[in-house]
Amino acid sequence: MFFPLEVGGRLLGVMSVQSTRANVYGERERAIFRTLCAWGAIGLDNATTYNAVAEQKQELRVAAVAFESQEAMLVADAQHNILRVNSACCRITGYRADELIGRRPDVFQFRRPDGSVDASRIATLEVGEEWSGELEVLCKDGTPVALDFSNFRGIRHNQESK
């Protein structure tokens, strides 16, 4: 006999119950097997969900450790709004995280090494376009700090592709 392991209409597996004797299981035993399969399917589904959540938590822990490196990092959305900064970014620039989150990176006043303003190069990169170079940013106190943008990849969507 085969009993499905189902949760919410999703088949997770099958339980097979076999005997060396024919017609050994009556309706009472079949009802018990169906109940066991229902509870087993719920347990199996919960274990699968738990494992997936545990894997996601582990990936998030690794990402958090990498994000909190000695290198200044920020995460921005497609509209270039800053979503998160690491402690190195705050330490280097003099800004607190709450002063940067929700703002655009041009708060740093990007400049070329010759001192001319160049926020436009980074702001106009198209999706997937790469640019490498060095720009200075002005810290909160006005001190310039050189930043290396090695293989900086654009995330901005051009107007024609919308």
C-alpha atoms as a PDB file:
ATOM      1  CA  MET A   1       0.000   0.000   0.000  1.00  0.00           C
ATOM      2  CA  PHE A   2       1.133   3.551  -0.776  1.00  0.00           C
ATOM      3  CA  PHE A   3       0.077   6.649   1.119  1.00  0.00           C
ATOM      4  CA  PRO A   4       0.816  10.175  -0.107  1.00  0.00           C
ATOM      5  CA  LEU A   5       2.731  12.646   2.056  1.00  0.00           C
ATOM      6  CA  GLU A   6       0.861  15.837   1.136  1.00  0.00           C
ATOM      7  CA  VAL A   7       0.681  19.323   2.573  1.00  0.00           C
ATOM      8  CA  GLY A   8      -1.633  21.902   1.050  1.00  0.00           C
ATOM      9  CA  GLY A   9      -2.040  19.873  -2.123  1.00  0.00           C
ATOM     10  CA  ARG A  10       1.747  19.537  -2.593  1.00  0.00           C
ATOM     11  CA  LEU A  11       3.045  16.006  -2.822  1.00  0.00           C
ATOM     12  CA  LEU A  12       6.211  15.758  -0.709  1.00  0.00           C
ATOM     13  CA  GLY A  13       6.677  12.022  -0.952  1.00  0.00           C
ATOM     14  CA  VAL A  14       5.035   8.653  -0.537  1.00  0.00           C
ATOM     15  CA  MET A  15       5.006   6.196   2.336  1.00  0.00           C
ATOM     16  CA  SER A  16       4.956   2.560   1.378  1.00  0.00           C
ATOM     17  CA  VAL A  17       3.608  -0.062   3.783  1.00  0.00           C
ATOM     18  CA  GLN A  18       4.193  -3.649   2.765  1.00  0.00           C
ATOM     19  CA  SER A  19       3.476  -7.032   4.320  1.00  0.00           C
ATOM     20  CA  THR A  20       4.471 -10.529   3.400  1.00  0.00           C
ATOM     21  CA  ARG A  21       0.835 -11.560   3.926  1.00  0.00           C
ATOM     22  CA  ALA A  22      -2.043 -10.523   1.660  1.00  0.00           C
ATOM     23  CA  ASN A  23      -4.923  -8.366   2.927  1.00  0.00           C
ATOM     24  CA  VAL A  24      -3.386  -7.943   6.348  1.00  0.00           C
ATOM     25  CA  TYR A  25      -4.356  -4.283   6.792  1.00  0.00           C
ATOM     26  CA  GLY A  26      -7.972  -3.401   7.457  1.00  0.00           C
ATOM     27  CA  GLU A  27      -9.671   0.002   7.306  1.00  0.00           C
ATOM     28  CA  ARG A  28      -8.591   0.821  10.897  1.00  0.00           C
ATOM     29  CA  GLU A  29      -4.893   0.288  10.030  1.00  0.00           C
ATOM     30  CA  ARG A  30      -5.273   2.261   6.785  1.00  0.00           C
ATOM     31  CA  ALA A  31      -6.823   5.158   8.716  1.00  0.00           C
ATOM     32  CA  ILE A  32      -3.878   5.069  11.140  1.00  0.00           C
ATOM     33  CA  PHE A  33      -1.422   5.067   8.192  1.00  0.00           C
ATOM     34  CA  ARG A  34      -3.232   8.027   6.587  1.00  0.00           C
ATOM     35  CA  THR A  35      -3.064   9.955   9.868  1.00  0.00           C
ATOM     36  CA  LEU A  36       0.627   9.120  10.285  1.00  0.00           C
ATOM     37  CA  CYS A  37       1.286  10.287   6.722  1.00  0.00           C
ATOM     38  CA  ALA A  38      -0.564  13.550   7.300  1.00  0.00           C
ATOM     39  CA  TRP A  39       1.494  14.291  10.425  1.00  0.00           C
ATOM     40  CA  GLY A  40       4.674  13.023   8.785  1.00  0.00           C
ATOM     41  CA  ALA A  41       4.108  15.309   5.786  1.00  0.00           C
ATOM     42  CA  ILE A  42       3.675  18.306   8.090  1.00  0.00           C
ATOM     43  CA  GLY A  43       6.886  17.372   9.905  1.00  0.00           C
ATOM     44  CA  LEU A  44       8.730  16.890   6.620  1.00  0.00           C
ATOM     45  CA  ASP A  45       7.464  20.232   5.306  1.00  0.00           C
ATOM     46  CA  ASN A  46       8.459  21.996   8.542  1.00  0.00           C
ATOM     47  CA  ALA A  47      11.923  20.405   8.455  1.00  0.00           C
ATOM     48  CA  THR A  48      12.421  21.488   4.851  1.00  0.00           C
ATOM     49  CA  THR A  49      11.316  25.020   5.689  1.00  0.00           C
ATOM     50  CA  TYR A  50      13.523  25.065   8.788  1.00  0.00           C
ATOM     51  CA  ASN A  51      16.558  23.934   6.764  1.00  0.00           C
ATOM     52  CA  ALA A  52      15.915  26.576   4.092  1.00  0.00           C
ATOM     53  CA  VAL A  53      15.597  29.286   6.758  1.00  0.00           C
ATOM     54  CA  ALA A  54      18.750  28.038   8.503  1.00  0.00           C
ATOM     55  CA  GLU A  55      20.659  28.185   5.202  1.00  0.00           C
ATOM     56  CA  GLN A  56      19.400  31.734   4.563  1.00  0.00           C
ATOM     57  CA  LYS A  57      20.444  32.780   8.074  1.00  0.00           C
ATOM     58  CA  GLN A  58      23.919  31.343   7.503  1.00  0.00           C
ATOM     59  CA  GLU A  59      24.237  33.212   4.197  1.00  0.00           C
ATOM     60  CA  LEU A  60      23.135  36.417   5.925  1.00  0.00           C
ATOM     61  CA  ARG A  61      25.738  35.899   8.674  1.00  0.00           C
ATOM     62  CA  VAL A  62      28.483  35.469   6.084  1.00  0.00           C
ATOM     63  CA  ALA A  63      27.285  38.534   4.179  1.00  0.00           C
ATOM     64  CA  ALA A  64      27.188  40.577   7.396  1.00  0.00           C
ATOM     65  CA  VAL A  65      30.762  39.613   8.275  1.00  0.00           C
ATOM     66  CA  ALA A  66      31.929  40.478   4.752  1.00  0.00           C
ATOM     67  CA  PHE A  67      30.011  43.764   4.809  1.00  0.00           C
ATOM     68  CA  GLU A  68      31.638  44.803   8.084  1.00  0.00           C
ATOM     69  CA  SER A  69      35.145  44.701   6.631  1.00  0.00           C
ATOM     70  CA  GLN A  70      37.766  47.444   6.826  1.00  0.00           C
ATOM     71  CA  GLU A  71      36.709  48.660   3.369  1.00  0.00           C
ATOM     72  CA  ALA A  72      34.066  51.372   3.159  1.00  0.00           C
ATOM     73  CA  MET A  73      30.892  49.909   1.664  1.00  0.00           C
ATOM     74  CA  LEU A  74      27.421  51.149   0.981  1.00  0.00           C
ATOM     75  CA  VAL A  75      24.380  49.523  -0.555  1.00  0.00           C
ATOM     76  CA  ALA A  76      22.054  51.594  -2.711  1.00  0.00           C
ATOM     77  CA  ASP A  77      18.851  50.765  -4.543  1.00  0.00           C
ATOM     78  CA  ALA A  78      18.204  51.253  -8.261  1.00  0.00           C
ATOM     79  CA  GLN A  79      17.283  54.892  -7.615  1.00  0.00           C
ATOM     80  CA  HIS A  80      20.668  55.341  -5.867  1.00  0.00           C
ATOM     81  CA  ASN A  81      19.133  55.840  -2.419  1.00  0.00           C
ATOM     82  CA  ILE A  82      21.517  54.574   0.249  1.00  0.00           C
ATOM     83  CA  LEU A  83      20.005  51.605   2.063  1.00  0.00           C
ATOM     84  CA  ARG A  84      22.915  50.596   4.277  1.00  0.00           C
ATOM     85  CA  VAL A  85      26.476  51.617   5.103  1.00  0.00           C
ATOM     86  CA  ASN A  86      29.103  49.724   7.034  1.00  0.00           C
ATOM     87  CA  SER A  87      31.039  51.024  10.017  1.00  0.00           C
ATOM     88  CA  ALA A  88      34.195  51.559   7.907  1.00  0.00           C
ATOM     89  CA  CYS A  89      32.240  53.922   5.641  1.00  0.00           C
ATOM     90  CA  CYS A  90      31.115  55.895   8.682  1.00  0.00           C
ATOM     91  CA  ARG A  91      34.593  55.928  10.196  1.00  0.00           C
ATOM     92  CA  ILE A  92      36.265  57.050   6.959  1.00  0.00           C
ATOM     93  CA  THR A  93      33.715  59.688   5.918  1.00  0.00           C
ATOM     94  CA  GLY A  94      32.758  61.013   9.335  1.00  0.00           C
ATOM     95  CA  TYR A  95      29.047  60.544   8.680  1.00  0.00           C
ATOM     96  CA  ARG A  96      26.816  58.505  10.952  1.00  0.00           C
ATOM     97  CA  ALA A  97      24.731  55.800   9.282  1.00  0.00           C
ATOM     98  CA  ASP A  98      21.482  57.662  10.009  1.00  0.00           C
ATOM     99  CA  GLU A  99      22.895  60.708   8.183  1.00  0.00           C
ATOM    100  CA  LEU A 100      23.482  58.658   5.032  1.00  0.00           C
ATOM    101  CA  ILE A 101      20.611  56.168   4.853  1.00  0.00           C
ATOM    102  CA  GLY A 102      17.906  57.448   2.531  1.00  0.00           C
ATOM    103  CA  ARG A 103      20.238  59.963   0.850  1.00  0.00           C
ATOM    104  CA  ARG A 104      22.057  59.609  -2.445  1.00  0.00           C
ATOM    105  CA  PRO A 105      25.804  58.954  -2.715  1.00  0.00           C
ATOM    106  CA  ASP A 106      26.339  62.433  -4.160  1.00  0.00           C
ATOM    107  CA  VAL A 107      26.244  63.617  -0.531  1.00  0.00           C
ATOM    108  CA  PHE A 108      29.964  62.799  -0.690  1.00  0.00           C
ATOM    109  CA  GLN A 109      30.564  65.291  -3.547  1.00  0.00           C
ATOM    110  CA  PHE A 110      32.586  63.071  -5.852  1.00  0.00           C
ATOM    111  CA  ARG A 111      35.603  64.847  -7.374  1.00  0.00           C
ATOM    112  CA  ARG A 112      38.340  63.948  -9.798  1.00  0.00           C
ATOM    113  CA  PRO A 113      41.877  63.946  -8.368  1.00  0.00           C
ATOM    114  CA  ASP A 114      42.399  67.380 -10.008  1.00  0.00           C
ATOM    115  CA  GLY A 115      39.569  68.727  -7.820  1.00  0.00           C
ATOM    116  CA  SER A 116      36.873  69.098 -10.485  1.00  0.00           C
ATOM    117  CA  VAL A 117      33.449  67.750  -9.576  1.00  0.00           C
ATOM    118  CA  ASP A 118      32.504  64.434 -11.237  1.00  0.00           C
ATOM    119  CA  ALA A 119      29.342  62.962  -9.759  1.00  0.00           C
ATOM    120  CA  SER A 120      27.999  62.393 -13.241  1.00  0.00           C
ATOM    121  CA  ARG A 121      30.291  59.497 -14.275  1.00  0.00           C
ATOM    122  CA  ILE A 122      28.986  57.132 -11.623  1.00  0.00           C
ATOM    123  CA  ALA A 123      25.408  58.393 -11.805  1.00  0.00           C
ATOM    124  CA  THR A 124      25.157  57.728 -15.561  1.00  0.00           C
ATOM    125  CA  LEU A 125      26.473  54.163 -15.680  1.00  0.00           C
ATOM    126  CA  GLU A 126      23.986  51.882 -17.365  1.00  0.00           C
ATOM    127  CA  VAL A 127      22.987  48.466 -16.032  1.00  0.00           C
ATOM    128  CA  GLY A 128      25.973  46.135 -16.159  1.00  0.00           C
ATOM    129  CA  GLU A 129      28.345  48.811 -17.531  1.00  0.00           C
ATOM    130  CA  GLU A 130      31.669  48.792 -15.711  1.00  0.00           C
ATOM    131  CA  TRP A 131      33.956  51.686 -14.878  1.00  0.00           C
ATOM    132  CA  SER A 132      37.264  51.746 -13.048  1.00  0.00           C
ATOM    133  CA  GLY A 133      38.996  54.797 -11.738  1.00  0.00           C
ATOM    134  CA  GLU A 134      39.788  56.897  -8.735  1.00  0.00           C
ATOM    135  CA  LEU A 135      37.582  59.634  -7.380  1.00  0.00           C
ATOM    136  CA  GLU A 136      37.824  61.693  -4.251  1.00  0.00           C
ATOM    137  CA  VAL A 137      34.901  62.114  -1.922  1.00  0.00           C
ATOM    138  CA  LEU A 138      34.534  64.868   0.590  1.00  0.00           C
ATOM    139  CA  CYS A 139      34.103  63.676   4.143  1.00  0.00           C
ATOM    140  CA  LYS A 140      31.628  65.366   6.449  1.00  0.00           C
ATOM    141  CA  ASP A 141      34.352  67.729   7.678  1.00  0.00           C
ATOM    142  CA  GLY A 142      35.372  68.592   4.075  1.00  0.00           C
ATOM    143  CA  THR A 143      38.514  66.449   4.038  1.00  0.00           C
ATOM    144  CA  PRO A 144      39.010  64.739   0.649  1.00  0.00           C
ATOM    145  CA  VAL A 145      39.532  60.973   0.647  1.00  0.00           C
ATOM    146  CA  ALA A 146      40.596  59.069  -2.497  1.00  0.00           C
ATOM    147  CA  LEU A 147      38.466  56.030  -3.316  1.00  0.00           C
ATOM    148  CA  ASP A 148      39.290  53.327  -5.830  1.00  0.00           C
ATOM    149  CA  PHE A 149      36.316  52.275  -7.907  1.00  0.00           C
ATOM    150  CA  SER A 150      37.707  49.044  -9.347  1.00  0.00           C
ATOM    151  CA  ASN A 151      35.210  47.411 -11.688  1.00  0.00           C
ATOM    152  CA  PHE A 152      32.335  49.523 -10.379  1.00  0.00           C
ATOM    153  CA  ARG A 153      29.174  48.178 -11.990  1.00  0.00           C
ATOM    154  CA  GLY A 154      26.246  50.405 -12.864  1.00  0.00           C
ATOM    155  CA  ILE A 155      22.732  49.637 -11.723  1.00  0.00           C
ATOM    156  CA  ARG A 156      20.912  52.631 -13.234  1.00  0.00           C
ATOM    157  CA  HIS A 157      18.245  51.820 -15.805  1.00  0.00           C
ATOM    158  CA  ASN A 158      18.325  54.015 -18.889  1.00  0.00           C
ATOM    159  CA  GLN A 159      15.158  55.849 -19.769  1.00  0.00           C
ATOM    160  CA  GLU A 160      14.637  54.054 -23.124  1.00  0.00           C
ATOM    161  CA  SER A 161      14.544  50.582 -21.524  1.00  0.00           C
ATOM    162  CA  LYS A 162      11.658  51.439 -19.261  1.00  0.00           C
END
